[in-house]
Amino acid sequence: MSARTLFRTLTVAAATATLGAALITGAQAATPGQGTAAPEAAPSAAVKPGEENPFLGIELQGLKAERRMMYPAGHPVAFWALVLDEETAARHYRGGQFFVYAPATGEFGSFLDTDIAVRTVRDPHRVVIADSGFMRSHPRVEVRYGNPDRPKRAFTVATATIWM
C-alpha cells in the first residue's frame, strides 16, 4: 500500500471519528441529565436539513448519491456516499473484487465498510464511497471489478467524472 493510499484511508477514518465525536458532544449538550435519546429521535439528531450533497456536479454512471447512516458507539452519524445504482448492483459478479481506481494517476480510493475504510469489497452492495475529497481530486474515478493487483485488466463497472 502506498503512503498516499494509507494517508487517504487514515483521513477518511479520522473524519468519521471527528464527525461522530462532534455529534456525541452535541447530543449530550442538548439533553443534559438524560441518558441516550429514544431510538425514534436518534436519526433526526444527526441529519442536518441544510447539509448539501458533496457529490453534486459529478457526472455519475452506474453510481448514485445516497444519504446513509451509521452508528459508531451507538450514536447516529449521517453522511453522503456514492453507491452502485440498482441495475449495476443487480448484475452477476464472480471471481473478483470491487475497488476504486483513478486511471489518470493509478491511485486507489477506498470504500467505507460499516465505519472502516477498506480498499476492496466482494459484494456489490458494500460499494460505499464516502471520500468526496478523493473523488474531487481526480477528473475521472472508476469502480472496477477484477484483480486489484492488475487494475488495467479489471472491468469498469461505474464511473464518476468531473468535466473541467
N, C-alpha and C. Protein backbone atom coordinates (compact mmCIF):
# COMPACT_ATOMS: atom_id res chain seq x y z
N MET A 1 0.85 -1.16 0.00
CA MET A 1 0.00 0.00 0.00
C MET A 1 0.90 1.23 0.00
N SER A 2 0.63 2.15 -0.90
CA SER A 2 1.46 3.34 -0.98
C SER A 2 1.16 4.29 0.19
N ALA A 3 2.07 5.19 0.43
CA ALA A 3 1.89 6.15 1.52
C ALA A 3 0.68 7.03 1.27
N ARG A 4 0.44 7.38 0.02
CA ARG A 4 -0.70 8.25 -0.30
C ARG A 4 -2.02 7.53 -0.05
N THR A 5 -2.10 6.25 -0.41
CA THR A 5 -3.30 5.47 -0.16
C THR A 5 -3.53 5.32 1.34
N LEU A 6 -2.47 5.04 2.09
CA LEU A 6 -2.58 4.93 3.53
C LEU A 6 -3.06 6.25 4.13
N PHE A 7 -2.51 7.37 3.66
CA PHE A 7 -2.91 8.68 4.15
C PHE A 7 -4.40 8.93 3.89
N ARG A 8 -4.87 8.60 2.68
CA ARG A 8 -6.29 8.81 2.36
C ARG A 8 -7.18 7.93 3.24
N THR A 9 -6.77 6.69 3.50
CA THR A 9 -7.54 5.79 4.34
C THR A 9 -7.62 6.35 5.76
N LEU A 10 -6.50 6.81 6.28
CA LEU A 10 -6.49 7.39 7.62
C LEU A 10 -7.30 8.67 7.68
N THR A 11 -7.31 9.45 6.61
CA THR A 11 -8.09 10.68 6.58
C THR A 11 -9.58 10.39 6.67
N VAL A 12 -10.05 9.38 5.94
CA VAL A 12 -11.47 9.00 5.99
C VAL A 12 -11.83 8.53 7.39
N ALA A 13 -10.98 7.71 7.99
CA ALA A 13 -11.24 7.20 9.34
C ALA A 13 -11.25 8.34 10.36
N ALA A 14 -10.31 9.27 10.24
CA ALA A 14 -10.27 10.40 11.18
C ALA A 14 -11.48 11.31 11.01
N ALA A 15 -11.90 11.55 9.78
CA ALA A 15 -13.07 12.38 9.55
C ALA A 15 -14.32 11.74 10.14
N THR A 16 -14.45 10.44 9.98
CA THR A 16 -15.59 9.72 10.55
C THR A 16 -15.58 9.82 12.07
N ALA A 17 -14.43 9.62 12.68
CA ALA A 17 -14.32 9.70 14.14
C ALA A 17 -14.61 11.11 14.63
N THR A 18 -14.11 12.12 13.93
CA THR A 18 -14.34 13.50 14.33
C THR A 18 -15.81 13.87 14.24
N LEU A 19 -16.46 13.47 13.15
CA LEU A 19 -17.88 13.74 12.98
C LEU A 19 -18.68 13.05 14.06
N GLY A 20 -18.33 11.81 14.37
CA GLY A 20 -19.03 11.07 15.43
C GLY A 20 -18.84 11.73 16.78
N ALA A 21 -17.64 12.20 17.09
CA ALA A 21 -17.38 12.86 18.37
C ALA A 21 -18.15 14.16 18.47
N ALA A 22 -18.24 14.91 17.39
CA ALA A 22 -18.98 16.18 17.41
C ALA A 22 -20.46 15.93 17.66
N LEU A 23 -21.00 14.90 17.03
CA LEU A 23 -22.41 14.59 17.23
C LEU A 23 -22.68 14.09 18.64
N ILE A 24 -21.76 13.32 19.19
CA ILE A 24 -21.93 12.83 20.55
C ILE A 24 -21.93 14.00 21.53
N THR A 25 -20.98 14.91 21.37
CA THR A 25 -20.89 16.08 22.24
C THR A 25 -22.14 16.94 22.12
N GLY A 26 -22.59 17.15 20.90
CA GLY A 26 -23.80 17.95 20.69
C GLY A 26 -25.04 17.29 21.28
N ALA A 27 -25.15 15.99 21.15
CA ALA A 27 -26.30 15.27 21.69
C ALA A 27 -26.29 15.34 23.21
N GLN A 28 -25.12 15.23 23.84
CA GLN A 28 -25.03 15.29 25.29
C GLN A 28 -25.37 16.70 25.77
N ALA A 29 -24.94 17.72 25.06
CA ALA A 29 -25.23 19.09 25.46
C ALA A 29 -26.71 19.42 25.29
N ALA A 30 -27.35 18.82 24.30
CA ALA A 30 -28.76 19.09 24.03
C ALA A 30 -29.67 18.40 25.03
N THR A 31 -29.23 17.32 25.64
CA THR A 31 -30.06 16.57 26.57
C THR A 31 -29.34 16.35 27.89
N PRO A 32 -29.08 17.42 28.67
CA PRO A 32 -28.36 17.25 29.92
C PRO A 32 -29.20 16.46 30.93
N GLY A 33 -28.52 15.60 31.66
CA GLY A 33 -29.17 14.84 32.71
C GLY A 33 -29.95 13.65 32.21
N GLN A 34 -30.02 13.44 30.92
CA GLN A 34 -30.75 12.30 30.39
C GLN A 34 -29.76 11.30 29.83
N GLY A 35 -30.19 10.07 29.70
CA GLY A 35 -29.37 9.02 29.11
C GLY A 35 -29.35 9.21 27.60
N THR A 36 -29.39 8.12 26.90
CA THR A 36 -29.40 8.22 25.45
C THR A 36 -30.78 8.61 24.96
N ALA A 37 -30.83 9.20 23.80
CA ALA A 37 -32.11 9.60 23.22
C ALA A 37 -32.90 8.38 22.81
N ALA A 38 -34.19 8.56 22.68
CA ALA A 38 -35.06 7.46 22.24
C ALA A 38 -34.66 7.05 20.84
N PRO A 39 -34.76 5.75 20.49
CA PRO A 39 -34.34 5.31 19.16
C PRO A 39 -35.04 6.06 18.03
N GLU A 40 -36.29 6.48 18.24
CA GLU A 40 -37.00 7.19 17.18
C GLU A 40 -36.38 8.56 16.92
N ALA A 41 -35.80 9.17 17.96
CA ALA A 41 -35.26 10.51 17.82
C ALA A 41 -33.81 10.52 17.34
N ALA A 42 -33.13 9.37 17.37
CA ALA A 42 -31.71 9.33 17.05
C ALA A 42 -31.37 9.82 15.65
N PRO A 43 -32.02 9.33 14.57
CA PRO A 43 -31.63 9.80 13.25
C PRO A 43 -31.83 11.29 13.04
N SER A 44 -32.90 11.88 13.61
CA SER A 44 -33.13 13.30 13.39
C SER A 44 -32.06 14.15 14.05
N ALA A 45 -31.41 13.64 15.10
CA ALA A 45 -30.34 14.39 15.75
C ALA A 45 -29.12 14.51 14.85
N ALA A 46 -28.91 13.54 13.96
CA ALA A 46 -27.72 13.53 13.13
C ALA A 46 -27.94 14.18 11.77
N VAL A 47 -29.16 14.25 11.30
CA VAL A 47 -29.44 14.77 9.97
C VAL A 47 -29.60 16.28 10.05
N LYS A 48 -28.76 16.98 9.34
CA LYS A 48 -28.83 18.43 9.29
C LYS A 48 -29.58 18.82 8.03
N PRO A 49 -30.70 19.52 8.15
CA PRO A 49 -31.54 19.81 6.98
C PRO A 49 -30.83 20.54 5.85
N GLY A 50 -29.90 21.44 6.15
CA GLY A 50 -29.24 22.21 5.10
C GLY A 50 -27.99 21.57 4.53
N GLU A 51 -27.62 20.40 5.03
CA GLU A 51 -26.38 19.77 4.56
C GLU A 51 -26.54 19.32 3.11
N GLU A 52 -25.63 19.79 2.27
CA GLU A 52 -25.74 19.55 0.84
C GLU A 52 -24.91 18.35 0.41
N ASN A 53 -25.34 17.71 -0.63
CA ASN A 53 -24.66 16.57 -1.21
C ASN A 53 -23.29 17.01 -1.76
N PRO A 54 -22.18 16.46 -1.24
CA PRO A 54 -20.85 16.88 -1.72
C PRO A 54 -20.51 16.34 -3.10
N PHE A 55 -21.35 15.46 -3.63
CA PHE A 55 -21.08 14.85 -4.94
C PHE A 55 -21.84 15.55 -6.06
N LEU A 56 -22.50 16.68 -5.77
CA LEU A 56 -23.19 17.43 -6.82
C LEU A 56 -22.18 17.93 -7.83
N GLY A 57 -22.53 17.93 -9.08
CA GLY A 57 -21.63 18.41 -10.13
C GLY A 57 -20.72 17.32 -10.68
N ILE A 58 -20.82 16.12 -10.15
CA ILE A 58 -20.04 14.99 -10.67
C ILE A 58 -20.98 14.14 -11.51
N GLU A 59 -20.58 13.86 -12.76
CA GLU A 59 -21.40 13.02 -13.63
C GLU A 59 -21.22 11.57 -13.22
N LEU A 60 -22.31 10.91 -12.88
CA LEU A 60 -22.27 9.54 -12.39
C LEU A 60 -22.87 8.58 -13.41
N GLN A 61 -22.19 7.48 -13.66
CA GLN A 61 -22.70 6.40 -14.50
C GLN A 61 -22.56 5.11 -13.71
N GLY A 62 -23.69 4.48 -13.38
CA GLY A 62 -23.67 3.26 -12.59
C GLY A 62 -23.60 3.52 -11.10
N LEU A 63 -23.55 4.78 -10.71
CA LEU A 63 -23.49 5.18 -9.30
C LEU A 63 -24.62 6.14 -9.00
N LYS A 64 -24.96 6.26 -7.72
CA LYS A 64 -25.92 7.27 -7.28
C LYS A 64 -25.48 7.78 -5.91
N ALA A 65 -25.80 9.05 -5.63
CA ALA A 65 -25.52 9.64 -4.33
C ALA A 65 -26.66 9.26 -3.40
N GLU A 66 -26.29 8.89 -2.19
CA GLU A 66 -27.30 8.42 -1.25
C GLU A 66 -26.94 8.89 0.16
N ARG A 67 -27.93 9.28 0.91
CA ARG A 67 -27.75 9.67 2.32
C ARG A 67 -27.74 8.39 3.14
N ARG A 68 -26.68 8.19 3.93
CA ARG A 68 -26.52 6.97 4.72
C ARG A 68 -26.43 7.32 6.20
N MET A 69 -26.65 6.32 7.02
CA MET A 69 -26.50 6.45 8.48
C MET A 69 -25.58 5.35 8.97
N MET A 70 -24.77 5.67 9.96
CA MET A 70 -24.01 4.66 10.67
C MET A 70 -24.09 5.00 12.15
N TYR A 71 -23.82 4.04 12.98
CA TYR A 71 -23.97 4.21 14.42
C TYR A 71 -22.70 3.81 15.16
N PRO A 72 -21.60 4.58 15.02
CA PRO A 72 -20.40 4.24 15.78
C PRO A 72 -20.66 4.47 17.27
N ALA A 73 -20.33 3.48 18.07
CA ALA A 73 -20.54 3.53 19.52
C ALA A 73 -22.00 3.81 19.87
N GLY A 74 -22.91 3.41 18.99
CA GLY A 74 -24.34 3.56 19.26
C GLY A 74 -24.90 4.94 19.00
N HIS A 75 -24.11 5.85 18.43
CA HIS A 75 -24.57 7.21 18.17
C HIS A 75 -24.74 7.41 16.66
N PRO A 76 -25.84 8.02 16.23
CA PRO A 76 -26.09 8.17 14.80
C PRO A 76 -25.19 9.21 14.13
N VAL A 77 -24.71 8.86 12.95
CA VAL A 77 -23.92 9.77 12.12
C VAL A 77 -24.47 9.67 10.70
N ALA A 78 -24.91 10.79 10.16
CA ALA A 78 -25.41 10.83 8.79
C ALA A 78 -24.29 11.30 7.87
N PHE A 79 -24.23 10.72 6.68
CA PHE A 79 -23.22 11.11 5.71
C PHE A 79 -23.71 10.82 4.31
N TRP A 80 -23.10 11.49 3.33
CA TRP A 80 -23.39 11.24 1.93
C TRP A 80 -22.38 10.25 1.38
N ALA A 81 -22.83 9.37 0.50
CA ALA A 81 -21.94 8.39 -0.11
C ALA A 81 -22.41 8.09 -1.52
N LEU A 82 -21.48 7.60 -2.33
CA LEU A 82 -21.83 7.08 -3.65
C LEU A 82 -21.94 5.56 -3.53
N VAL A 83 -23.01 5.02 -4.09
CA VAL A 83 -23.23 3.58 -4.09
C VAL A 83 -23.62 3.16 -5.51
N LEU A 84 -23.50 1.89 -5.80
CA LEU A 84 -23.91 1.40 -7.12
C LEU A 84 -25.41 1.54 -7.26
N ASP A 85 -25.87 1.95 -8.45
CA ASP A 85 -27.32 2.02 -8.65
C ASP A 85 -27.90 0.61 -8.71
N GLU A 86 -29.21 0.51 -8.67
CA GLU A 86 -29.88 -0.79 -8.57
C GLU A 86 -29.52 -1.73 -9.73
N GLU A 87 -29.52 -1.18 -10.94
CA GLU A 87 -29.23 -2.01 -12.12
C GLU A 87 -27.80 -2.57 -12.08
N THR A 88 -26.84 -1.74 -11.72
CA THR A 88 -25.44 -2.16 -11.67
C THR A 88 -25.21 -3.15 -10.53
N ALA A 89 -25.82 -2.91 -9.38
CA ALA A 89 -25.65 -3.81 -8.23
C ALA A 89 -26.31 -5.16 -8.46
N ALA A 90 -27.35 -5.21 -9.31
CA ALA A 90 -28.08 -6.46 -9.55
C ALA A 90 -27.36 -7.40 -10.52
N ARG A 91 -26.37 -6.92 -11.23
CA ARG A 91 -25.63 -7.78 -12.16
C ARG A 91 -24.92 -8.91 -11.41
N HIS A 92 -24.62 -9.96 -12.12
CA HIS A 92 -23.94 -11.11 -11.52
C HIS A 92 -22.42 -10.91 -11.62
N TYR A 93 -21.75 -10.93 -10.48
CA TYR A 93 -20.30 -10.76 -10.42
C TYR A 93 -19.71 -12.01 -9.78
N ARG A 94 -18.60 -12.50 -10.36
CA ARG A 94 -17.98 -13.70 -9.80
C ARG A 94 -16.49 -13.70 -10.10
N GLY A 95 -15.70 -14.00 -9.06
CA GLY A 95 -14.27 -14.21 -9.25
C GLY A 95 -13.38 -13.00 -9.09
N GLY A 96 -13.90 -11.91 -8.55
CA GLY A 96 -13.06 -10.72 -8.40
C GLY A 96 -13.46 -9.90 -7.20
N GLN A 97 -12.94 -8.68 -7.17
CA GLN A 97 -13.22 -7.74 -6.09
C GLN A 97 -13.50 -6.37 -6.69
N PHE A 98 -14.31 -5.59 -6.00
CA PHE A 98 -14.57 -4.21 -6.39
C PHE A 98 -13.50 -3.33 -5.77
N PHE A 99 -13.04 -2.33 -6.53
CA PHE A 99 -12.10 -1.35 -5.99
C PHE A 99 -12.29 -0.03 -6.72
N VAL A 100 -11.89 1.06 -6.06
CA VAL A 100 -11.99 2.41 -6.62
C VAL A 100 -10.63 2.76 -7.21
N TYR A 101 -10.63 3.22 -8.46
CA TYR A 101 -9.38 3.44 -9.18
C TYR A 101 -9.46 4.75 -9.98
N ALA A 102 -8.41 5.54 -9.91
CA ALA A 102 -8.28 6.76 -10.72
C ALA A 102 -7.30 6.44 -11.85
N PRO A 103 -7.78 6.18 -13.07
CA PRO A 103 -6.90 5.73 -14.15
C PRO A 103 -5.83 6.74 -14.56
N ALA A 104 -6.09 8.03 -14.41
CA ALA A 104 -5.10 9.04 -14.83
C ALA A 104 -3.83 8.99 -13.97
N THR A 105 -3.98 8.67 -12.68
CA THR A 105 -2.83 8.67 -11.77
C THR A 105 -2.45 7.28 -11.27
N GLY A 106 -3.34 6.31 -11.47
CA GLY A 106 -3.07 4.96 -10.97
C GLY A 106 -3.29 4.81 -9.47
N GLU A 107 -3.99 5.78 -8.86
CA GLU A 107 -4.24 5.73 -7.42
C GLU A 107 -5.50 4.94 -7.11
N PHE A 108 -5.52 4.38 -5.91
CA PHE A 108 -6.67 3.64 -5.43
C PHE A 108 -7.38 4.45 -4.35
N GLY A 109 -8.71 4.41 -4.36
CA GLY A 109 -9.51 5.02 -3.31
C GLY A 109 -9.92 3.94 -2.33
N SER A 110 -10.89 4.26 -1.51
CA SER A 110 -11.34 3.29 -0.52
C SER A 110 -12.86 3.32 -0.40
N PHE A 111 -13.39 2.21 0.09
CA PHE A 111 -14.80 2.09 0.39
C PHE A 111 -14.96 2.23 1.89
N LEU A 112 -16.16 2.55 2.32
CA LEU A 112 -16.47 2.60 3.74
C LEU A 112 -17.29 1.36 4.06
N ASP A 113 -16.69 0.42 4.77
CA ASP A 113 -17.37 -0.82 5.16
C ASP A 113 -17.73 -0.68 6.62
N THR A 114 -19.00 -0.46 6.90
CA THR A 114 -19.53 -0.11 8.21
C THR A 114 -18.90 1.23 8.61
N ASP A 115 -17.84 1.25 9.40
CA ASP A 115 -17.16 2.51 9.71
C ASP A 115 -15.65 2.39 9.53
N ILE A 116 -15.24 1.44 8.69
CA ILE A 116 -13.82 1.19 8.44
C ILE A 116 -13.54 1.39 6.95
N ALA A 117 -12.48 2.12 6.63
CA ALA A 117 -12.08 2.31 5.24
C ALA A 117 -11.35 1.07 4.76
N VAL A 118 -11.82 0.49 3.65
CA VAL A 118 -11.21 -0.71 3.07
C VAL A 118 -10.92 -0.46 1.60
N ARG A 119 -9.93 -1.17 1.07
CA ARG A 119 -9.54 -0.98 -0.32
C ARG A 119 -10.44 -1.74 -1.28
N THR A 120 -10.89 -2.94 -0.89
CA THR A 120 -11.72 -3.76 -1.78
C THR A 120 -12.91 -4.35 -1.02
N VAL A 121 -13.94 -4.68 -1.78
CA VAL A 121 -15.09 -5.42 -1.26
C VAL A 121 -15.50 -6.43 -2.33
N ARG A 122 -16.16 -7.50 -1.91
CA ARG A 122 -16.61 -8.53 -2.86
C ARG A 122 -18.08 -8.38 -3.24
N ASP A 123 -18.88 -7.84 -2.36
CA ASP A 123 -20.32 -7.71 -2.57
C ASP A 123 -20.64 -6.34 -3.19
N PRO A 124 -21.42 -6.29 -4.29
CA PRO A 124 -21.72 -5.00 -4.91
C PRO A 124 -22.51 -4.07 -3.98
N HIS A 125 -23.24 -4.61 -3.02
CA HIS A 125 -23.99 -3.78 -2.09
C HIS A 125 -23.10 -3.14 -1.02
N ARG A 126 -21.85 -3.55 -0.94
CA ARG A 126 -20.88 -2.98 0.01
C ARG A 126 -20.05 -1.87 -0.63
N VAL A 127 -20.32 -1.56 -1.89
CA VAL A 127 -19.62 -0.46 -2.57
C VAL A 127 -20.21 0.84 -2.04
N VAL A 128 -19.48 1.47 -1.10
CA VAL A 128 -19.90 2.72 -0.48
C VAL A 128 -18.68 3.65 -0.49
N ILE A 129 -18.74 4.69 -1.32
CA ILE A 129 -17.63 5.64 -1.44
C ILE A 129 -18.04 6.92 -0.70
N ALA A 130 -17.36 7.20 0.40
CA ALA A 130 -17.68 8.38 1.20
C ALA A 130 -16.60 9.46 1.11
N ASP A 131 -15.51 9.20 0.44
CA ASP A 131 -14.39 10.14 0.37
C ASP A 131 -14.59 11.10 -0.81
N SER A 132 -15.31 12.20 -0.56
CA SER A 132 -15.55 13.16 -1.63
C SER A 132 -14.26 13.88 -2.03
N GLY A 133 -13.30 13.97 -1.14
CA GLY A 133 -12.01 14.59 -1.47
C GLY A 133 -11.28 13.82 -2.54
N PHE A 134 -11.25 12.50 -2.44
CA PHE A 134 -10.62 11.66 -3.45
C PHE A 134 -11.36 11.81 -4.78
N MET A 135 -12.69 11.82 -4.71
CA MET A 135 -13.49 11.93 -5.93
C MET A 135 -13.24 13.26 -6.64
N ARG A 136 -13.12 14.33 -5.89
CA ARG A 136 -12.94 15.66 -6.48
C ARG A 136 -11.50 15.94 -6.88
N SER A 137 -10.54 15.15 -6.40
CA SER A 137 -9.14 15.40 -6.73
C SER A 137 -8.71 14.68 -8.00
N HIS A 138 -9.61 13.95 -8.63
CA HIS A 138 -9.31 13.25 -9.88
C HIS A 138 -10.42 13.55 -10.89
N PRO A 139 -10.08 13.81 -12.15
CA PRO A 139 -11.11 14.12 -13.14
C PRO A 139 -12.02 12.92 -13.44
N ARG A 140 -11.50 11.71 -13.28
CA ARG A 140 -12.30 10.52 -13.53
C ARG A 140 -11.91 9.45 -12.51
N VAL A 141 -12.92 8.90 -11.87
CA VAL A 141 -12.73 7.82 -10.91
C VAL A 141 -13.64 6.68 -11.34
N GLU A 142 -13.12 5.46 -11.29
CA GLU A 142 -13.88 4.30 -11.72
C GLU A 142 -14.00 3.27 -10.59
N VAL A 143 -15.16 2.63 -10.54
CA VAL A 143 -15.31 1.45 -9.71
C VAL A 143 -15.05 0.29 -10.65
N ARG A 144 -14.04 -0.50 -10.35
CA ARG A 144 -13.68 -1.62 -11.21
C ARG A 144 -13.88 -2.94 -10.49
N TYR A 145 -14.05 -3.98 -11.28
CA TYR A 145 -14.23 -5.32 -10.72
C TYR A 145 -13.21 -6.25 -11.36
N GLY A 146 -12.47 -6.95 -10.54
CA GLY A 146 -11.45 -7.86 -11.03
C GLY A 146 -10.36 -8.00 -9.99
N ASN A 147 -9.12 -8.12 -10.46
CA ASN A 147 -7.97 -8.27 -9.58
C ASN A 147 -7.36 -6.88 -9.35
N PRO A 148 -7.38 -6.37 -8.08
CA PRO A 148 -6.82 -5.04 -7.84
C PRO A 148 -5.32 -4.96 -8.07
N ASP A 149 -4.63 -6.10 -8.13
CA ASP A 149 -3.20 -6.09 -8.43
C ASP A 149 -2.94 -5.84 -9.91
N ARG A 150 -3.97 -6.00 -10.74
CA ARG A 150 -3.89 -5.73 -12.18
C ARG A 150 -5.07 -4.83 -12.58
N PRO A 151 -5.05 -3.59 -12.13
CA PRO A 151 -6.21 -2.72 -12.33
C PRO A 151 -6.54 -2.43 -13.79
N LYS A 152 -5.55 -2.44 -14.67
CA LYS A 152 -5.82 -2.13 -16.07
C LYS A 152 -6.58 -3.25 -16.78
N ARG A 153 -6.54 -4.45 -16.23
CA ARG A 153 -7.27 -5.58 -16.82
C ARG A 153 -8.66 -5.76 -16.20
N ALA A 154 -8.95 -5.03 -15.14
CA ALA A 154 -10.24 -5.16 -14.46
C ALA A 154 -11.35 -4.49 -15.27
N PHE A 155 -12.55 -4.97 -15.07
CA PHE A 155 -13.74 -4.49 -15.76
C PHE A 155 -14.26 -3.22 -15.08
N THR A 156 -14.51 -2.16 -15.84
CA THR A 156 -15.06 -0.92 -15.29
C THR A 156 -16.56 -1.09 -15.11
N VAL A 157 -17.02 -0.97 -13.87
CA VAL A 157 -18.43 -1.18 -13.51
C VAL A 157 -19.18 0.14 -13.49
N ALA A 158 -18.56 1.20 -12.95
CA ALA A 158 -19.22 2.51 -12.80
C ALA A 158 -18.15 3.60 -12.88
N THR A 159 -18.59 4.81 -13.23
CA THR A 159 -17.65 5.93 -13.33
C THR A 159 -18.22 7.18 -12.70
N ALA A 160 -17.31 8.04 -12.27
CA ALA A 160 -17.65 9.38 -11.77
C ALA A 160 -16.69 10.33 -12.46
N THR A 161 -17.25 11.30 -13.20
CA THR A 161 -16.42 12.19 -14.00
C THR A 161 -16.72 13.65 -13.65
N ILE A 162 -15.66 14.43 -13.50
CA ILE A 162 -15.79 15.87 -13.31
C ILE A 162 -15.29 16.52 -14.60
N TRP A 163 -16.19 17.23 -15.26
CA TRP A 163 -15.84 17.91 -16.51
C TRP A 163 -15.26 19.27 -16.18
N MET A 164 -14.11 19.55 -16.71
CA MET A 164 -13.44 20.84 -16.44
C MET A 164 -13.87 21.87 -17.44
